[in-house]
Amino acid sequence: MKINNYNHSSFKIQDSTFPMTYKETFYLTGHCLALDEHPEFREKVIELIRLEGADLENFVQLCSDHLIIPAIYLKFKAYNQSKAV
């Protein structure tokens, strides 16, 4: 399924002093899963993870709840995300 009106550049964390919202965590997860189709997301994902507002515990919990941790791991491994973080 492809969404034609999707604008990936509109995804931004509002303020790095606040933790990511649940919606922003979903967007981060989607960006990670879409790295094959959109390699330009790599820098965006690195930027989002390095921000103080990126709550990695919630990110991992979300991925675990949706059983996508192995997929996220393989994407990070393929795009050297693990070394960037």
PDB file of N, CA and C in Angstrom:
ATOM      1  N   MET A   1       0.837  -1.166   0.000  1.00  0.00           N
ATOM      2  CA  MET A   1       0.000   0.000   0.000  1.00  0.00           C
ATOM      3  C   MET A   1       0.888   1.238   0.000  1.00  0.00           C
ATOM      4  N   LYS A   2       0.641   2.145  -0.872  1.00  0.00           N
ATOM      5  CA  LYS A   2       1.437   3.349  -0.983  1.00  0.00           C
ATOM      6  C   LYS A   2       0.547   4.569  -0.771  1.00  0.00           C
ATOM      7  N   ILE A   3       1.011   5.469   0.067  1.00  0.00           N
ATOM      8  CA  ILE A   3       0.267   6.692   0.319  1.00  0.00           C
ATOM      9  C   ILE A   3       0.877   7.785  -0.547  1.00  0.00           C
ATOM     10  N   ASN A   4       0.082   8.354  -1.424  1.00  0.00           N
ATOM     11  CA  ASN A   4       0.596   9.337  -2.364  1.00  0.00           C
ATOM     12  C   ASN A   4       0.823  10.709  -1.746  1.00  0.00           C
ATOM     13  N   ASN A   5       0.080  11.060  -0.733  1.00  0.00           N
ATOM     14  CA  ASN A   5       0.184  12.393  -0.156  1.00  0.00           C
ATOM     15  C   ASN A   5       1.131  12.459   1.031  1.00  0.00           C
ATOM     16  N   TYR A   6       1.955  11.463   1.227  1.00  0.00           N
ATOM     17  CA  TYR A   6       2.859  11.422   2.377  1.00  0.00           C
ATOM     18  C   TYR A   6       4.020  12.384   2.168  1.00  0.00           C
ATOM     19  N   ASN A   7       4.251  13.246   3.133  1.00  0.00           N
ATOM     20  CA  ASN A   7       5.338  14.213   3.060  1.00  0.00           C
ATOM     21  C   ASN A   7       6.298  13.937   4.204  1.00  0.00           C
ATOM     22  N   HIS A   8       7.388  13.228   3.919  1.00  0.00           N
ATOM     23  CA  HIS A   8       8.306  12.833   4.974  1.00  0.00           C
ATOM     24  C   HIS A   8       9.065  14.004   5.575  1.00  0.00           C
ATOM     25  N   SER A   9       9.189  15.102   4.886  1.00  0.00           N
ATOM     26  CA  SER A   9       9.940  16.231   5.415  1.00  0.00           C
ATOM     27  C   SER A   9       9.164  16.982   6.495  1.00  0.00           C
ATOM     28  N   SER A  10       7.880  16.706   6.649  1.00  0.00           N
ATOM     29  CA  SER A  10       7.088  17.415   7.651  1.00  0.00           C
ATOM     30  C   SER A  10       7.247  16.817   9.047  1.00  0.00           C
ATOM     31  N   PHE A  11       7.910  15.683   9.167  1.00  0.00           N
ATOM     32  CA  PHE A  11       8.074  15.043  10.462  1.00  0.00           C
ATOM     33  C   PHE A  11       9.245  15.680  11.206  1.00  0.00           C
ATOM     34  N   LYS A  12       8.948  16.368  12.282  1.00  0.00           N
ATOM     35  CA  LYS A  12       9.973  17.017  13.092  1.00  0.00           C
ATOM     36  C   LYS A  12       9.555  16.928  14.552  1.00  0.00           C
ATOM     37  N   ILE A  13      10.530  16.768  15.402  1.00  0.00           N
ATOM     38  CA  ILE A  13      10.251  16.821  16.832  1.00  0.00           C
ATOM     39  C   ILE A  13      10.129  18.285  17.207  1.00  0.00           C
ATOM     40  N   GLN A  14       9.091  18.628  17.920  1.00  0.00           N
ATOM     41  CA  GLN A  14       8.802  20.019  18.237  1.00  0.00           C
ATOM     42  C   GLN A  14       9.889  20.645  19.108  1.00  0.00           C
ATOM     43  N   ASP A  15      10.227  20.006  20.200  1.00  0.00           N
ATOM     44  CA  ASP A  15      11.185  20.574  21.136  1.00  0.00           C
ATOM     45  C   ASP A  15      11.953  19.426  21.758  1.00  0.00           C
ATOM     46  N   SER A  16      13.260  19.473  21.688  1.00  0.00           N
ATOM     47  CA  SER A  16      14.051  18.348  22.172  1.00  0.00           C
ATOM     48  C   SER A  16      14.061  18.226  23.689  1.00  0.00           C
ATOM     49  N   THR A  17      13.508  19.207  24.416  1.00  0.00           N
ATOM     50  CA  THR A  17      13.473  19.102  25.867  1.00  0.00           C
ATOM     51  C   THR A  17      12.340  18.200  26.348  1.00  0.00           C
ATOM     52  N   PHE A  18      11.372  17.933  25.484  1.00  0.00           N
ATOM     53  CA  PHE A  18      10.269  17.042  25.841  1.00  0.00           C
ATOM     54  C   PHE A  18      10.465  15.698  25.165  1.00  0.00           C
ATOM     55  N   PRO A  19      10.051  14.617  25.834  1.00  0.00           N
ATOM     56  CA  PRO A  19      10.168  13.311  25.184  1.00  0.00           C
ATOM     57  C   PRO A  19       9.285  13.233  23.939  1.00  0.00           C
ATOM     58  N   MET A  20       9.646  12.321  23.072  1.00  0.00           N
ATOM     59  CA  MET A  20       8.858  12.117  21.859  1.00  0.00           C
ATOM     60  C   MET A  20       7.450  11.685  22.231  1.00  0.00           C
ATOM     61  N   THR A  21       6.485  12.147  21.465  1.00  0.00           N
ATOM     62  CA  THR A  21       5.118  11.698  21.667  1.00  0.00           C
ATOM     63  C   THR A  21       4.981  10.303  21.070  1.00  0.00           C
ATOM     64  N   TYR A  22       3.874   9.657  21.375  1.00  0.00           N
ATOM     65  CA  TYR A  22       3.624   8.323  20.837  1.00  0.00           C
ATOM     66  C   TYR A  22       3.573   8.372  19.307  1.00  0.00           C
ATOM     67  N   LYS A  23       2.961   9.420  18.782  1.00  0.00           N
ATOM     68  CA  LYS A  23       2.860   9.588  17.331  1.00  0.00           C
ATOM     69  C   LYS A  23       4.252   9.744  16.706  1.00  0.00           C
ATOM     70  N   GLU A  24       5.116  10.531  17.333  1.00  0.00           N
ATOM     71  CA  GLU A  24       6.469  10.723  16.817  1.00  0.00           C
ATOM     72  C   GLU A  24       7.276   9.435  16.870  1.00  0.00           C
ATOM     73  N   THR A  25       7.030   8.622  17.904  1.00  0.00           N
ATOM     74  CA  THR A  25       7.707   7.333  18.000  1.00  0.00           C
ATOM     75  C   THR A  25       7.269   6.419  16.854  1.00  0.00           C
ATOM     76  N   PHE A  26       5.986   6.460  16.488  1.00  0.00           N
ATOM     77  CA  PHE A  26       5.505   5.691  15.339  1.00  0.00           C
ATOM     78  C   PHE A  26       6.159   6.176  14.050  1.00  0.00           C
ATOM     79  N   TYR A  27       6.293   7.491  13.891  1.00  0.00           N
ATOM     80  CA  TYR A  27       6.939   8.030  12.698  1.00  0.00           C
ATOM     81  C   TYR A  27       8.394   7.582  12.618  1.00  0.00           C
ATOM     82  N   LEU A  28       9.109   7.617  13.747  1.00  0.00           N
ATOM     83  CA  LEU A  28      10.492   7.154  13.777  1.00  0.00           C
ATOM     84  C   LEU A  28      10.569   5.690  13.372  1.00  0.00           C
ATOM     85  N   THR A  29       9.668   4.888  13.907  1.00  0.00           N
ATOM     86  CA  THR A  29       9.626   3.465  13.566  1.00  0.00           C
ATOM     87  C   THR A  29       9.361   3.279  12.073  1.00  0.00           C
ATOM     88  N   GLY A  30       8.411   4.034  11.542  1.00  0.00           N
ATOM     89  CA  GLY A  30       8.113   3.961  10.109  1.00  0.00           C
ATOM     90  C   GLY A  30       9.298   4.366   9.256  1.00  0.00           C
ATOM     91  N   HIS A  31      10.015   5.398   9.674  1.00  0.00           N
ATOM     92  CA  HIS A  31      11.206   5.821   8.939  1.00  0.00           C
ATOM     93  C   HIS A  31      12.254   4.710   8.935  1.00  0.00           C
ATOM     94  N   CYS A  32      12.421   4.043  10.064  1.00  0.00           N
ATOM     95  CA  CYS A  32      13.385   2.941  10.148  1.00  0.00           C
ATOM     96  C   CYS A  32      12.993   1.799   9.214  1.00  0.00           C
ATOM     97  N   LEU A  33      11.723   1.461   9.200  1.00  0.00           N
ATOM     98  CA  LEU A  33      11.258   0.353   8.360  1.00  0.00           C
ATOM     99  C   LEU A  33      11.277   0.693   6.875  1.00  0.00           C
ATOM    100  N   ALA A  34      11.247   1.967   6.529  1.00  0.00           N
ATOM    101  CA  ALA A  34      11.191   2.392   5.132  1.00  0.00           C
ATOM    102  C   ALA A  34      12.567   2.707   4.546  1.00  0.00           C
ATOM    103  N   LEU A  35      13.631   2.356   5.224  1.00  0.00           N
ATOM    104  CA  LEU A  35      14.969   2.690   4.739  1.00  0.00           C
ATOM    105  C   LEU A  35      15.288   2.092   3.372  1.00  0.00           C
ATOM    106  N   ASP A  36      14.753   0.932   3.056  1.00  0.00           N
ATOM    107  CA  ASP A  36      15.009   0.338   1.735  1.00  0.00           C
ATOM    108  C   ASP A  36      14.394   1.186   0.629  1.00  0.00           C
ATOM    109  N   GLU A  37      13.192   1.661   0.852  1.00  0.00           N
ATOM    110  CA  GLU A  37      12.490   2.449  -0.158  1.00  0.00           C
ATOM    111  C   GLU A  37      12.940   3.906  -0.161  1.00  0.00           C
ATOM    112  N   HIS A  38      13.390   4.404   0.996  1.00  0.00           N
ATOM    113  CA  HIS A  38      13.783   5.813   1.141  1.00  0.00           C
ATOM    114  C   HIS A  38      15.116   5.899   1.878  1.00  0.00           C
ATOM    115  N   PRO A  39      16.230   5.638   1.208  1.00  0.00           N
ATOM    116  CA  PRO A  39      17.530   5.687   1.896  1.00  0.00           C
ATOM    117  C   PRO A  39      17.864   7.067   2.460  1.00  0.00           C
ATOM    118  N   GLU A  40      17.208   8.099   1.953  1.00  0.00           N
ATOM    119  CA  GLU A  40      17.453   9.447   2.466  1.00  0.00           C
ATOM    120  C   GLU A  40      16.966   9.612   3.903  1.00  0.00           C
ATOM    121  N   PHE A  41      16.179   8.667   4.403  1.00  0.00           N
ATOM    122  CA  PHE A  41      15.708   8.707   5.788  1.00  0.00           C
ATOM    123  C   PHE A  41      16.838   8.418   6.777  1.00  0.00           C
ATOM    124  N   ARG A  42      17.947   7.844   6.301  1.00  0.00           N
ATOM    125  CA  ARG A  42      19.034   7.440   7.194  1.00  0.00           C
ATOM    126  C   ARG A  42      19.496   8.605   8.061  1.00  0.00           C
ATOM    127  N   GLU A  43      19.805   9.730   7.454  1.00  0.00           N
ATOM    128  CA  GLU A  43      20.284  10.887   8.213  1.00  0.00           C
ATOM    129  C   GLU A  43      19.212  11.409   9.175  1.00  0.00           C
ATOM    130  N   LYS A  44      17.969  11.368   8.744  1.00  0.00           N
ATOM    131  CA  LYS A  44      16.858  11.809   9.591  1.00  0.00           C
ATOM    132  C   LYS A  44      16.724  10.910  10.819  1.00  0.00           C
ATOM    133  N   VAL A  45      16.850   9.603  10.614  1.00  0.00           N
ATOM    134  CA  VAL A  45      16.749   8.655  11.725  1.00  0.00           C
ATOM    135  C   VAL A  45      17.891   8.882  12.707  1.00  0.00           C
ATOM    136  N   ILE A  46      19.100   9.066  12.204  1.00  0.00           N
ATOM    137  CA  ILE A  46      20.249   9.319  13.072  1.00  0.00           C
ATOM    138  C   ILE A  46      20.023  10.594  13.878  1.00  0.00           C
ATOM    139  N   GLU A  47      19.553  11.632  13.211  1.00  0.00           N
ATOM    140  CA  GLU A  47      19.295  12.907  13.879  1.00  0.00           C
ATOM    141  C   GLU A  47      18.245  12.742  14.983  1.00  0.00           C
ATOM    142  N   LEU A  48      17.177  12.025  14.691  1.00  0.00           N
ATOM    143  CA  LEU A  48      16.101  11.844  15.670  1.00  0.00           C
ATOM    144  C   LEU A  48      16.542  11.014  16.865  1.00  0.00           C
ATOM    145  N   ILE A  49      17.359   9.990  16.625  1.00  0.00           N
ATOM    146  CA  ILE A  49      17.805   9.134  17.721  1.00  0.00           C
ATOM    147  C   ILE A  49      18.798   9.866  18.615  1.00  0.00           C
ATOM    148  N   ARG A  50      19.611  10.712  18.042  1.00  0.00           N
ATOM    149  CA  ARG A  50      20.613  11.436  18.834  1.00  0.00           C
ATOM    150  C   ARG A  50      20.018  12.572  19.667  1.00  0.00           C
ATOM    151  N   LEU A  51      18.839  13.022  19.336  1.00  0.00           N
ATOM    152  CA  LEU A  51      18.214  14.084  20.116  1.00  0.00           C
ATOM    153  C   LEU A  51      17.912  13.600  21.524  1.00  0.00           C
ATOM    154  N   GLU A  52      17.999  14.512  22.471  1.00  0.00           N
ATOM    155  CA  GLU A  52      17.678  14.152  23.851  1.00  0.00           C
ATOM    156  C   GLU A  52      16.215  13.760  24.003  1.00  0.00           C
ATOM    157  N   GLY A  53      15.356  14.264  23.127  1.00  0.00           N
ATOM    158  CA  GLY A  53      13.938  13.974  23.220  1.00  0.00           C
ATOM    159  C   GLY A  53      13.550  12.602  22.692  1.00  0.00           C
ATOM    160  N   ALA A  54      14.490  11.917  22.034  1.00  0.00           N
ATOM    161  CA  ALA A  54      14.196  10.587  21.501  1.00  0.00           C
ATOM    162  C   ALA A  54      14.215   9.589  22.654  1.00  0.00           C
ATOM    163  N   ASP A  55      13.093   9.046  22.986  1.00  0.00           N
ATOM    164  CA  ASP A  55      12.967   8.103  24.094  1.00  0.00           C
ATOM    165  C   ASP A  55      13.153   6.691  23.542  1.00  0.00           C
ATOM    166  N   LEU A  56      14.366   6.182  23.646  1.00  0.00           N
ATOM    167  CA  LEU A  56      14.674   4.884  23.061  1.00  0.00           C
ATOM    168  C   LEU A  56      13.970   3.737  23.775  1.00  0.00           C
ATOM    169  N   GLU A  57      13.675   3.905  25.052  1.00  0.00           N
ATOM    170  CA  GLU A  57      12.943   2.854  25.765  1.00  0.00           C
ATOM    171  C   GLU A  57      11.544   2.690  25.176  1.00  0.00           C
ATOM    172  N   ASN A  58      10.870   3.800  24.905  1.00  0.00           N
ATOM    173  CA  ASN A  58       9.541   3.728  24.292  1.00  0.00           C
ATOM    174  C   ASN A  58       9.623   3.208  22.864  1.00  0.00           C
ATOM    175  N   PHE A  59      10.683   3.578  22.149  1.00  0.00           N
ATOM    176  CA  PHE A  59      10.884   3.085  20.787  1.00  0.00           C
ATOM    177  C   PHE A  59      11.028   1.563  20.784  1.00  0.00           C
ATOM    178  N   VAL A  60      11.871   1.053  21.672  1.00  0.00           N
ATOM    179  CA  VAL A  60      12.074  -0.396  21.765  1.00  0.00           C
ATOM    180  C   VAL A  60      10.789  -1.087  22.216  1.00  0.00           C
ATOM    181  N   GLN A  61      10.072  -0.483  23.164  1.00  0.00           N
ATOM    182  CA  GLN A  61       8.815  -1.069  23.635  1.00  0.00           C
ATOM    183  C   GLN A  61       7.787  -1.132  22.509  1.00  0.00           C
ATOM    184  N   LEU A  62       7.691  -0.051  21.731  1.00  0.00           N
ATOM    185  CA  LEU A  62       6.763  -0.034  20.595  1.00  0.00           C
ATOM    186  C   LEU A  62       7.121  -1.117  19.588  1.00  0.00           C
ATOM    187  N   CYS A  63       8.405  -1.225  19.274  1.00  0.00           N
ATOM    188  CA  CYS A  63       8.852  -2.249  18.324  1.00  0.00           C
ATOM    189  C   CYS A  63       8.585  -3.654  18.863  1.00  0.00           C
ATOM    190  N   SER A  64       8.776  -3.826  20.144  1.00  0.00           N
ATOM    191  CA  SER A  64       8.505  -5.122  20.760  1.00  0.00           C
ATOM    192  C   SER A  64       7.017  -5.450  20.741  1.00  0.00           C
ATOM    193  N   ASP A  65       6.187  -4.451  21.065  1.00  0.00           N
ATOM    194  CA  ASP A  65       4.739  -4.662  21.082  1.00  0.00           C
ATOM    195  C   ASP A  65       4.211  -5.068  19.711  1.00  0.00           C
ATOM    196  N   HIS A  66       4.841  -4.554  18.665  1.00  0.00           N
ATOM    197  CA  HIS A  66       4.385  -4.835  17.300  1.00  0.00           C
ATOM    198  C   HIS A  66       5.227  -5.907  16.610  1.00  0.00           C
ATOM    199  N   LEU A  67       6.100  -6.568  17.397  1.00  0.00           N
ATOM    200  CA  LEU A  67       6.912  -7.694  16.930  1.00  0.00           C
ATOM    201  C   LEU A  67       7.788  -7.346  15.725  1.00  0.00           C
ATOM    202  N   ILE A  68       8.354  -6.148  15.729  1.00  0.00           N
ATOM    203  CA  ILE A  68       9.193  -5.735  14.602  1.00  0.00           C
ATOM    204  C   ILE A  68      10.647  -5.492  15.004  1.00  0.00           C
ATOM    205  N   ILE A  69      11.040  -5.892  16.208  1.00  0.00           N
ATOM    206  CA  ILE A  69      12.431  -5.708  16.625  1.00  0.00           C
ATOM    207  C   ILE A  69      13.397  -6.392  15.653  1.00  0.00           C
ATOM    208  N   PRO A  70      13.142  -7.633  15.204  1.00  0.00           N
ATOM    209  CA  PRO A  70      14.077  -8.236  14.241  1.00  0.00           C
ATOM    210  C   PRO A  70      14.180  -7.441  12.936  1.00  0.00           C
ATOM    211  N   ALA A  71      13.076  -6.905  12.465  1.00  0.00           N
ATOM    212  CA  ALA A  71      13.096  -6.108  11.233  1.00  0.00           C
ATOM    213  C   ALA A  71      13.881  -4.815  11.433  1.00  0.00           C
ATOM    214  N   ILE A  72      13.685  -4.162  12.572  1.00  0.00           N
ATOM    215  CA  ILE A  72      14.413  -2.927  12.881  1.00  0.00           C
ATOM    216  C   ILE A  72      15.909  -3.232  12.986  1.00  0.00           C
ATOM    217  N   TYR A  73      16.249  -4.324  13.649  1.00  0.00           N
ATOM    218  CA  TYR A  73      17.652  -4.713  13.785  1.00  0.00           C
ATOM    219  C   TYR A  73      18.296  -4.910  12.415  1.00  0.00           C
ATOM    220  N   LEU A  74      17.618  -5.621  11.529  1.00  0.00           N
ATOM    221  CA  LEU A  74      18.170  -5.868  10.203  1.00  0.00           C
ATOM    222  C   LEU A  74      18.316  -4.583   9.389  1.00  0.00           C
ATOM    223  N   LYS A  75      17.373  -3.660   9.535  1.00  0.00           N
ATOM    224  CA  LYS A  75      17.482  -2.362   8.846  1.00  0.00           C
ATOM    225  C   LYS A  75      18.676  -1.588   9.381  1.00  0.00           C
ATOM    226  N   PHE A  76      18.822  -1.554  10.711  1.00  0.00           N
ATOM    227  CA  PHE A  76      19.955  -0.843  11.303  1.00  0.00           C
ATOM    228  C   PHE A  76      21.277  -1.471  10.870  1.00  0.00           C
ATOM    229  N   LYS A  77      21.302  -2.781  10.825  1.00  0.00           N
ATOM    230  CA  LYS A  77      22.518  -3.474  10.416  1.00  0.00           C
ATOM    231  C   LYS A  77      22.842  -3.179   8.950  1.00  0.00           C
ATOM    232  N   ALA A  78      21.844  -3.197   8.095  1.00  0.00           N
ATOM    233  CA  ALA A  78      22.050  -2.957   6.668  1.00  0.00           C
ATOM    234  C   ALA A  78      22.497  -1.532   6.378  1.00  0.00           C
ATOM    235  N   TYR A  79      22.039  -0.582   7.178  1.00  0.00           N
ATOM    236  CA  TYR A  79      22.354   0.827   6.934  1.00  0.00           C
ATOM    237  C   TYR A  79      23.325   1.405   7.948  1.00  0.00           C
ATOM    238  N   ASN A  80      24.025   0.527   8.675  1.00  0.00           N
ATOM    239  CA  ASN A  80      25.017   0.947   9.666  1.00  0.00           C
ATOM    240  C   ASN A  80      24.481   1.943  10.675  1.00  0.00           C
ATOM    241  N   GLN A  81      23.222   1.813  11.022  1.00  0.00           N
ATOM    242  CA  GLN A  81      22.623   2.704  12.015  1.00  0.00           C
ATOM    243  C   GLN A  81      23.197   2.432  13.405  1.00  0.00           C
ATOM    244  N   SER A  82      23.521   1.189  13.710  1.00  0.00           N
ATOM    245  CA  SER A  82      23.974   0.857  15.046  1.00  0.00           C
ATOM    246  C   SER A  82      25.307   1.555  15.363  1.00  0.00           C
ATOM    247  N   LYS A  83      26.160   1.756  14.366  1.00  0.00           N
ATOM    248  CA  LYS A  83      27.425   2.454  14.594  1.00  0.00           C
ATOM    249  C   LYS A  83      27.215   3.954  14.710  1.00  0.00           C
ATOM    250  N   ALA A  84      26.188   4.459  14.054  1.00  0.00           N
ATOM    251  CA  ALA A  84      25.920   5.900  14.086  1.00  0.00           C
ATOM    252  C   ALA A  84      25.381   6.341  15.435  1.00  0.00           C
ATOM    253  N   VAL A  85      24.704   5.436  16.109  1.00  0.00           N
ATOM    254  CA  VAL A  85      24.080   5.763  17.389  1.00  0.00           C
ATOM    255  C   VAL A  85      25.015   5.342  18.462  1.00  0.00           C
TER     256      VAL A  85
END
